[in-house]
Amino acid sequence: MLTTNASPVTALDRQCEQRTTPGYLAAVLETDDYRVVVFHRGRALMDGTNLAYLDPESIDPAYRDLAGDALPLGGTHVYLGKVRPGQTHRLAAATDIVLLSLPLNALPEDATELSWAPLGNVFAGYRDVAQDLNAVDAQVFVEAQAVAQWHGSHVHCPRCGSSTESQSAGWMRRCTADGSQHFPRTDPAAIVAIVGADDRILLANNYAWNENRYSTVAGFVEAGESAEQAAVREIAEEVGVHLHSLAYVSSQAWPFPRSLMFGFIGYTNDTEATPDRSEVRAARWFEREELQAAVLCGDAVISHKASIARSLIENWYGGPILEPGEQA
């Protein structure tokens, strides 16, 4: 059984029906009980290894008690949801969580600190902290980053180019000229652990990575494709391997930029791989003991433990793969 952090139990009740009520977000912001997660340029404000949940009183007055496009310089508030009962989390059940996405020019691009945030809170990206996040923080981080990036890329109407304004507690943008409504996108992608007839796994090295990093192959689903069709096409294009069958395993929300990864085990009778030399630099077959030995000695670095790629690899492996310094 494959286990990922994509639990079917959601940490937050997103209040999908209620948040469309006019004034819903403004009413939340008038209380003192909600907590704020702060994002800037795809990074979240962190308190050590935890997401920082700021008291509204600690928020800079320029950003407090203002909803949506009322924020200066293009910042955005989004209602993320209420903490569900039964969650093991430092926030009490029914606590409302609100995203404050700061304008791009609010801080320098490489800024790690926020002058008005509690001492020690710093900005970090999801890849930097994912392995240390608890289940609730991981879900909040992915949701917040995805919707923040959508707002940043939809300040103008895709139909007429006019400005858009945030409505429905941050979950819809309406064109100020033609009135058209636009909602956050989720881009489907297929990710595949490729297994040969001899039960070896094929992992690929991308040109964007260090030469010893290997992972599963993934690609976005194109218009008119099913996830299965996209998986077969991507594998053939990127590593020159033809799959004869697929088994769906699990899915995971992935905030780069706002994807939903459909995870498969793909089976092939091919024994040779041909990297496309465009995205994929190299492709390498591994036996189980060979992969574990390569990871321990640093010959191969595989995807981190919070990713569905790692889960797919370990599903093939049959259990956790030890990292350097770890013991069974």
Protein backbone atom coordinates (compact mmCIF):
# COMPACT_ATOMS: atom_id res chain seq x y z
CA MET A 1 0.00 0.00 0.00
CA LEU A 2 1.36 3.39 -1.01
CA THR A 3 1.29 6.09 1.64
CA THR A 4 1.61 9.77 0.73
CA ASN A 5 0.87 13.00 2.52
CA ALA A 6 -2.17 13.33 0.25
CA SER A 7 -4.56 12.18 2.95
CA PRO A 8 -8.24 11.80 1.99
CA VAL A 9 -9.01 13.55 5.31
CA THR A 10 -8.70 17.30 4.83
CA ALA A 11 -7.26 19.40 7.63
CA LEU A 12 -9.40 22.44 6.85
CA ASP A 13 -13.09 22.92 6.22
CA ARG A 14 -12.85 25.38 3.34
CA GLN A 15 -16.43 26.63 3.85
CA CYS A 16 -16.93 26.44 0.08
CA GLU A 17 -20.63 27.32 0.19
CA GLN A 18 -20.42 29.96 2.91
CA ARG A 19 -17.43 31.86 1.55
CA THR A 20 -19.38 32.94 -1.56
CA THR A 21 -21.66 35.03 0.66
CA PRO A 22 -20.87 38.72 0.13
CA GLY A 23 -18.91 40.07 3.09
CA TYR A 24 -17.89 36.64 4.43
CA LEU A 25 -14.15 37.37 4.45
CA ALA A 26 -14.67 40.87 5.80
CA ALA A 27 -16.68 39.43 8.69
CA VAL A 28 -13.87 37.02 9.55
CA LEU A 29 -11.35 39.87 9.46
CA GLU A 30 -13.46 41.81 11.95
CA THR A 31 -12.93 39.13 14.61
CA ASP A 32 -9.87 38.59 16.77
CA ASP A 33 -9.83 34.79 16.57
CA TYR A 34 -8.51 34.10 13.07
CA ARG A 35 -4.86 33.45 12.26
CA VAL A 36 -2.85 34.62 9.27
CA VAL A 37 -0.33 32.81 7.08
CA VAL A 38 1.87 35.18 5.10
CA PHE A 39 3.27 34.47 1.62
CA HIS A 40 5.62 36.43 -0.60
CA ARG A 41 6.86 35.28 -4.01
CA GLY A 42 5.87 31.64 -3.40
CA ARG A 43 7.46 31.42 0.05
CA ALA A 44 5.71 31.17 3.40
CA LEU A 45 6.60 32.83 6.67
CA MET A 46 7.86 30.04 8.93
CA ASP A 47 8.28 29.71 12.69
CA GLY A 48 11.11 27.20 12.82
CA THR A 49 9.84 24.05 11.10
CA ASN A 50 6.20 25.14 11.45
CA LEU A 51 4.09 27.52 9.44
CA ALA A 52 3.82 30.83 11.24
CA TYR A 53 0.20 31.56 12.18
CA LEU A 54 0.17 35.23 13.09
CA ASP A 55 -2.25 36.90 15.44
CA PRO A 56 -4.13 39.61 13.51
CA GLU A 57 -2.88 42.20 15.99
CA SER A 58 0.69 41.53 14.82
CA ILE A 59 -0.11 42.30 11.18
CA ASP A 60 1.12 45.61 9.76
CA PRO A 61 -1.85 48.05 9.81
CA ALA A 62 -1.38 48.56 6.06
CA TYR A 63 -2.53 44.96 5.54
CA ARG A 64 -4.92 44.42 8.45
CA ASP A 65 -8.71 44.42 8.23
CA LEU A 66 -8.71 44.91 4.48
CA ALA A 67 -10.08 42.35 2.04
CA GLY A 68 -9.07 41.45 -1.48
CA ASP A 69 -8.16 44.29 -3.81
CA ALA A 70 -8.50 46.83 -1.00
CA LEU A 71 -4.97 45.81 -0.04
CA PRO A 72 -2.24 48.16 -1.25
CA LEU A 73 -0.11 47.47 -4.30
CA GLY A 74 -1.88 44.27 -5.35
CA GLY A 75 -1.75 42.21 -2.17
CA THR A 76 -4.49 39.66 -1.56
CA HIS A 77 -6.41 38.15 1.35
CA VAL A 78 -7.89 34.67 0.84
CA TYR A 79 -10.03 32.69 3.24
CA LEU A 80 -8.40 29.24 3.51
CA GLY A 81 -10.74 27.48 5.95
CA LYS A 82 -11.47 26.38 9.51
CA VAL A 83 -9.35 23.82 11.34
CA ARG A 84 -11.40 20.64 11.48
CA PRO A 85 -12.05 18.93 14.82
CA GLY A 86 -9.79 15.99 15.63
CA GLN A 87 -6.66 17.46 14.05
CA THR A 88 -3.40 17.14 15.93
CA HIS A 89 -2.38 20.74 15.60
CA ARG A 90 -1.41 23.72 17.72
CA LEU A 91 -4.42 25.70 16.50
CA ALA A 92 -7.77 24.97 18.12
CA ALA A 93 -10.60 23.39 16.14
CA ALA A 94 -12.76 25.92 14.25
CA THR A 95 -9.94 28.48 14.05
CA ASP A 96 -10.25 30.43 10.81
CA ILE A 97 -7.08 30.67 8.72
CA VAL A 98 -6.59 33.53 6.27
CA LEU A 99 -3.87 33.92 3.67
CA LEU A 100 -2.14 37.27 3.32
CA SER A 101 -0.28 37.28 0.01
CA LEU A 102 2.02 40.28 0.00
CA PRO A 103 2.51 42.33 -3.17
CA LEU A 104 5.60 41.41 -5.20
CA ASN A 105 7.21 44.75 -4.47
CA ALA A 106 6.48 44.67 -0.75
CA LEU A 107 9.91 43.15 -0.12
CA PRO A 108 13.11 42.56 -2.07
CA GLU A 109 12.98 39.32 -4.05
CA ASP A 110 15.58 37.63 -1.84
CA ALA A 111 14.23 38.92 1.49
CA THR A 112 13.97 36.27 4.19
CA GLU A 113 12.54 38.34 7.05
CA LEU A 114 9.55 40.62 7.60
CA SER A 115 10.11 43.67 9.78
CA TRP A 116 6.77 43.46 11.57
CA ALA A 117 6.69 39.67 12.03
CA PRO A 118 7.75 38.01 15.30
CA LEU A 119 11.50 37.66 15.76
CA GLY A 120 12.84 34.48 14.19
CA ASN A 121 10.09 34.10 11.58
CA VAL A 122 11.64 33.73 8.12
CA PHE A 123 10.38 33.02 4.61
CA ALA A 124 11.01 29.58 3.09
CA GLY A 125 9.89 27.64 0.03
CA TYR A 126 7.94 24.41 0.12
CA ARG A 127 10.81 22.26 -1.16
CA ASP A 128 13.01 23.60 1.65
CA VAL A 129 10.64 22.66 4.48
CA ALA A 130 8.26 19.98 3.16
CA GLN A 131 9.94 17.07 4.91
CA ASP A 132 9.59 18.75 8.31
CA LEU A 133 6.01 20.00 8.02
CA ASN A 134 3.24 18.30 9.97
CA ALA A 135 0.24 17.09 7.98
CA VAL A 136 -1.93 20.14 8.68
CA ASP A 137 0.79 22.66 7.85
CA ALA A 138 1.61 20.79 4.64
CA GLN A 139 -1.98 21.02 3.43
CA VAL A 140 -2.29 24.69 4.38
CA PHE A 141 1.03 25.51 2.68
CA VAL A 142 0.08 23.84 -0.60
CA GLU A 143 -3.39 25.40 -0.68
CA ALA A 144 -2.08 28.87 0.16
CA GLN A 145 0.78 28.80 -2.32
CA ALA A 146 -1.39 27.56 -5.18
CA VAL A 147 -4.10 30.17 -4.74
CA ALA A 148 -1.58 32.96 -4.07
CA GLN A 149 0.21 32.24 -7.33
CA TRP A 150 -3.09 32.14 -9.19
CA HIS A 151 -4.01 35.58 -7.90
CA GLY A 152 -0.62 36.92 -8.94
CA SER A 153 -1.08 35.72 -12.52
CA HIS A 154 -4.73 36.77 -12.94
CA VAL A 155 -4.76 40.47 -12.12
CA HIS A 156 -5.97 41.03 -15.70
CA CYS A 157 -8.91 39.43 -17.46
CA PRO A 158 -7.84 36.74 -19.97
CA ARG A 159 -10.77 37.73 -22.20
CA CYS A 160 -10.33 41.49 -22.53
CA GLY A 161 -7.24 42.46 -20.56
CA SER A 162 -9.05 44.69 -18.09
CA SER A 163 -8.25 44.54 -14.38
CA THR A 164 -9.90 41.93 -12.18
CA GLU A 165 -10.98 42.17 -8.56
CA SER A 166 -10.99 39.50 -5.88
CA GLN A 167 -14.38 38.21 -4.69
CA SER A 168 -15.87 35.18 -2.92
CA ALA A 169 -13.34 35.44 -0.08
CA GLY A 170 -10.48 35.26 -2.56
CA TRP A 171 -11.72 32.26 -4.57
CA MET A 172 -12.93 34.14 -7.63
CA ARG A 173 -11.76 37.13 -9.63
CA ARG A 174 -14.27 39.19 -11.60
CA CYS A 175 -13.40 41.33 -14.59
CA THR A 176 -14.19 44.98 -13.89
CA ALA A 177 -15.10 45.56 -17.54
CA ASP A 178 -17.05 42.59 -18.87
CA GLY A 179 -18.07 40.97 -15.56
CA SER A 180 -16.64 37.55 -16.44
CA GLN A 181 -15.77 35.29 -13.51
CA HIS A 182 -12.46 33.46 -13.20
CA PHE A 183 -11.61 30.73 -10.70
CA PRO A 184 -8.34 29.20 -9.45
CA ARG A 185 -6.87 26.65 -11.86
CA THR A 186 -5.49 23.23 -11.07
CA ASP A 187 -3.18 21.77 -13.71
CA PRO A 188 -3.26 17.95 -13.90
CA ALA A 189 0.02 16.11 -14.37
CA ALA A 190 0.97 12.44 -14.61
CA ILE A 191 3.96 11.08 -12.71
CA VAL A 192 5.19 7.54 -13.28
CA ALA A 193 7.51 5.04 -11.65
CA ILE A 194 8.65 2.93 -14.61
CA VAL A 195 9.20 -0.76 -13.87
CA GLY A 196 10.81 -3.13 -16.37
CA ALA A 197 10.11 -6.80 -17.02
CA ASP A 198 13.10 -7.66 -14.80
CA ASP A 199 11.54 -5.60 -11.97
CA ARG A 200 14.16 -2.84 -12.11
CA ILE A 201 13.04 0.77 -11.83
CA LEU A 202 13.97 3.44 -14.38
CA LEU A 203 14.76 6.87 -12.92
CA ALA A 204 15.66 10.01 -14.84
CA ASN A 205 18.01 12.94 -14.31
CA ASN A 206 16.77 16.35 -15.43
CA TYR A 207 19.02 19.07 -16.81
CA ALA A 208 17.69 21.43 -14.10
CA TRP A 209 19.14 19.18 -11.37
CA ASN A 210 22.55 18.11 -10.16
CA GLU A 211 23.87 15.20 -12.19
CA ASN A 212 23.41 12.67 -9.38
CA ARG A 213 19.76 13.45 -8.69
CA TYR A 214 17.25 10.89 -10.02
CA SER A 215 13.49 10.75 -9.89
CA THR A 216 10.37 9.49 -11.60
CA VAL A 217 9.21 10.98 -14.90
CA ALA A 218 6.34 13.47 -14.93
CA GLY A 219 4.55 15.76 -17.35
CA PHE A 220 1.44 17.86 -17.68
CA VAL A 221 -1.77 16.48 -19.17
CA GLU A 222 -2.53 18.18 -22.47
CA ALA A 223 -5.95 19.26 -23.72
CA GLY A 224 -8.05 16.26 -24.71
CA GLU A 225 -5.86 13.70 -22.92
CA SER A 226 -6.64 11.42 -20.03
CA ALA A 227 -4.05 11.15 -17.27
CA GLU A 228 -3.20 7.64 -18.52
CA GLN A 229 -2.67 8.84 -22.09
CA ALA A 230 -0.45 11.65 -20.86
CA ALA A 231 1.62 9.20 -18.81
CA VAL A 232 2.28 6.96 -21.80
CA ARG A 233 3.11 9.94 -24.05
CA GLU A 234 5.45 11.62 -21.56
CA ILE A 235 7.41 8.43 -20.89
CA ALA A 236 7.87 7.79 -24.60
CA GLU A 237 8.92 11.40 -25.25
CA GLU A 238 11.30 11.88 -22.35
CA VAL A 239 13.03 8.51 -21.94
CA GLY A 240 12.04 6.61 -25.10
CA VAL A 241 10.29 3.79 -23.24
CA HIS A 242 6.92 2.37 -24.23
CA LEU A 243 4.51 1.33 -21.48
CA HIS A 244 2.24 -1.64 -22.02
CA SER A 245 0.18 -1.13 -18.86
CA LEU A 246 -0.42 1.32 -16.03
CA ALA A 247 -1.69 1.05 -12.48
CA TYR A 248 -3.05 4.17 -10.79
CA VAL A 249 -1.71 4.56 -7.25
CA SER A 250 -2.49 7.93 -5.69
CA SER A 251 -2.58 11.68 -6.25
CA GLN A 252 -0.96 14.64 -4.57
CA ALA A 253 -1.51 18.38 -4.75
CA TRP A 254 1.77 20.03 -5.72
CA PRO A 255 2.22 23.82 -5.60
CA PHE A 256 4.53 24.24 -8.62
CA PRO A 257 2.71 26.23 -9.62
CA ARG A 258 -0.71 24.69 -8.79
CA SER A 259 -0.63 21.10 -9.98
CA LEU A 260 -2.42 17.88 -9.14
CA MET A 261 -0.06 14.95 -9.63
CA PHE A 262 -1.67 11.65 -10.66
CA GLY A 263 0.75 8.90 -9.64
CA PHE A 264 1.12 5.67 -11.61
CA ILE A 265 3.26 2.56 -11.73
CA GLY A 266 4.01 1.97 -15.41
CA TYR A 267 5.21 -1.35 -16.84
CA THR A 268 7.40 -1.87 -19.88
CA ASN A 269 9.20 -4.68 -21.64
CA ASP A 270 11.86 -2.28 -22.95
CA THR A 271 15.34 -2.64 -21.53
CA GLU A 272 16.96 0.42 -23.12
CA ALA A 273 16.13 4.03 -22.38
CA THR A 274 16.84 7.00 -24.64
CA PRO A 275 16.82 10.39 -22.87
CA ASP A 276 15.40 13.20 -24.99
CA ARG A 277 18.48 15.38 -24.27
CA SER A 278 16.10 18.32 -23.98
CA GLU A 279 14.63 17.89 -20.51
CA VAL A 280 16.23 14.61 -19.50
CA ARG A 281 20.01 14.37 -19.31
CA ALA A 282 20.24 10.69 -18.35
CA ALA A 283 18.09 7.69 -17.45
CA ARG A 284 19.29 4.83 -15.28
CA TRP A 285 17.90 1.42 -14.33
CA PHE A 286 18.25 0.37 -10.68
CA GLU A 287 17.76 -2.89 -8.84
CA ARG A 288 16.51 -2.51 -5.28
CA GLU A 289 19.79 -3.16 -3.47
CA GLU A 290 21.63 -1.09 -6.06
CA LEU A 291 19.40 1.94 -5.51
CA GLN A 292 19.67 1.75 -1.72
CA ALA A 293 23.46 1.48 -1.92
CA ALA A 294 23.64 4.39 -4.38
CA VAL A 295 21.58 6.63 -2.09
CA LEU A 296 23.65 5.77 0.99
CA CYS A 297 26.96 6.52 -0.71
CA GLY A 298 25.69 9.68 -2.46
CA ASP A 299 25.96 8.27 -5.97
CA ALA A 300 22.23 8.92 -6.36
CA VAL A 301 19.99 11.48 -4.67
CA ILE A 302 16.27 10.75 -4.97
CA SER A 303 13.18 12.86 -4.36
CA HIS A 304 12.48 14.02 -0.81
CA LYS A 305 10.16 12.13 1.48
CA ALA A 306 7.23 14.54 1.25
CA SER A 307 6.83 14.04 -2.51
CA ILE A 308 4.67 11.59 -4.40
CA ALA A 309 7.76 10.77 -6.48
CA ARG A 310 9.46 9.37 -3.39
CA SER A 311 6.30 7.48 -2.43
CA LEU A 312 6.12 5.85 -5.86
CA ILE A 313 9.77 4.83 -5.69
CA GLU A 314 9.35 3.38 -2.21
CA ASN A 315 6.19 1.58 -3.28
CA TRP A 316 8.31 -0.25 -5.88
CA TYR A 317 11.13 -0.72 -3.37
CA GLY A 318 8.82 -2.26 -0.76
CA GLY A 319 9.49 0.12 2.12
CA PRO A 320 11.42 3.23 3.19
CA ILE A 321 14.72 3.95 1.47
CA LEU A 322 17.36 5.02 3.97
CA GLU A 323 19.18 8.31 3.55
CA PRO A 324 22.87 8.79 4.45
CA GLY A 325 23.20 8.70 8.24
CA GLU A 326 19.89 6.89 8.81
CA GLN A 327 19.68 3.42 10.28
CA ALA A 328 17.11 0.72 9.67
